[in-house]
């Protein structure tokens, strides 16, 4: 569901196979920046996502799905905010 929703929102998944059960990673669209997305999600939607490190720094965003926030309602709010 998460991966399909991201694709339907026009975002490209970073991996084409071998997906993780605990994190979904998507590429930053060319018309924006990692910082712009992370800042807007945090300030306007009160949702914290994560960038990456080393070679992927500024190129991808990670959506974690573990712990207390790994529930349907929070994931739907995140996907809605990203769209």
Protein backbone atom coordinates (compact mmCIF):
# COMPACT_ATOMS: atom_id res chain seq x y z
CA UNK A 1 0.00 0.00 0.00
CA UNK A 2 2.73 2.51 0.98
CA UNK A 3 4.82 1.93 -2.09
CA UNK A 4 1.83 2.15 -4.43
CA UNK A 5 0.58 5.32 -2.73
CA UNK A 6 3.98 6.98 -3.15
CA UNK A 7 4.09 6.04 -6.82
CA UNK A 8 0.53 7.34 -7.32
CA UNK A 9 1.63 10.63 -5.70
CA UNK A 10 4.28 10.93 -8.42
CA UNK A 11 7.23 9.91 -6.26
CA UNK A 12 9.80 7.39 -7.40
CA UNK A 13 10.85 4.60 -5.04
CA UNK A 14 14.60 4.51 -4.61
CA UNK A 15 14.85 0.73 -4.80
CA UNK A 16 13.14 -1.23 -7.52
CA UNK A 17 13.26 -4.49 -5.52
CA UNK A 18 14.47 -5.86 -2.19
CA UNK A 19 12.24 -3.57 -0.12
CA UNK A 20 12.62 -3.23 3.64
CA UNK A 21 9.79 -4.03 6.05
CA UNK A 22 10.78 -1.11 8.31
CA UNK A 23 11.53 1.80 5.97
CA UNK A 24 10.37 3.09 2.59
CA UNK A 25 12.79 5.25 0.60
CA UNK A 26 11.88 7.57 -2.26
CA UNK A 27 13.95 9.79 -4.56
CA UNK A 28 13.69 13.58 -4.25
CA UNK A 29 11.81 15.01 -7.26
CA UNK A 30 13.94 17.26 -9.48
CA UNK A 31 11.74 20.31 -8.85
CA UNK A 32 12.41 20.42 -5.08
CA UNK A 33 15.00 19.59 -2.43
CA UNK A 34 15.25 17.19 0.45
CA UNK A 35 15.39 20.08 2.92
CA UNK A 36 12.26 21.68 1.44
CA UNK A 37 10.24 18.48 1.80
CA UNK A 38 11.51 17.67 5.30
CA UNK A 39 10.90 21.23 6.51
CA UNK A 40 7.39 21.46 5.09
CA UNK A 41 6.40 18.06 6.45
CA UNK A 42 7.67 19.05 9.90
CA UNK A 43 6.31 22.63 10.01
CA UNK A 44 2.99 22.27 8.20
CA UNK A 45 2.03 18.67 8.98
CA UNK A 46 3.97 17.92 12.21
CA UNK A 47 5.42 14.81 10.57
CA UNK A 48 9.10 13.97 10.90
CA UNK A 49 10.74 12.08 8.07
CA UNK A 50 14.47 11.50 7.54
CA UNK A 51 17.00 12.19 4.85
CA UNK A 52 20.00 9.95 4.34
CA UNK A 53 23.79 9.93 4.62
CA UNK A 54 26.91 9.76 2.44
CA UNK A 55 26.19 9.16 -1.26
CA UNK A 56 22.41 9.44 -0.76
CA UNK A 57 22.50 12.66 1.28
CA UNK A 58 20.04 15.15 -0.25
CA UNK A 59 18.89 12.57 -2.80
CA UNK A 60 16.35 10.44 -0.89
CA UNK A 61 13.88 10.61 1.99
CA UNK A 62 13.20 7.72 4.32
CA UNK A 63 9.81 6.96 5.90
CA UNK A 64 10.25 4.78 8.97
CA UNK A 65 7.51 2.40 10.08
CA UNK A 66 8.42 0.98 13.44
CA UNK A 67 7.24 1.49 17.00
CA UNK A 68 4.17 3.35 18.22
CA UNK A 69 3.82 5.45 15.06
CA UNK A 70 3.69 2.42 12.77
CA UNK A 71 -0.07 2.40 12.39
CA UNK A 72 -2.56 2.90 9.60
CA UNK A 73 -3.69 6.38 10.65
CA UNK A 74 -0.18 7.84 10.89
CA UNK A 75 0.89 6.27 7.61
CA UNK A 76 -2.20 7.62 5.82
CA UNK A 77 -1.53 11.10 7.25
CA UNK A 78 2.06 10.92 6.00
CA UNK A 79 1.06 9.78 2.52
CA UNK A 80 -1.65 12.44 2.31
CA UNK A 81 0.78 15.17 3.37
CA UNK A 82 3.37 14.02 0.81
CA UNK A 83 0.84 14.08 -2.01
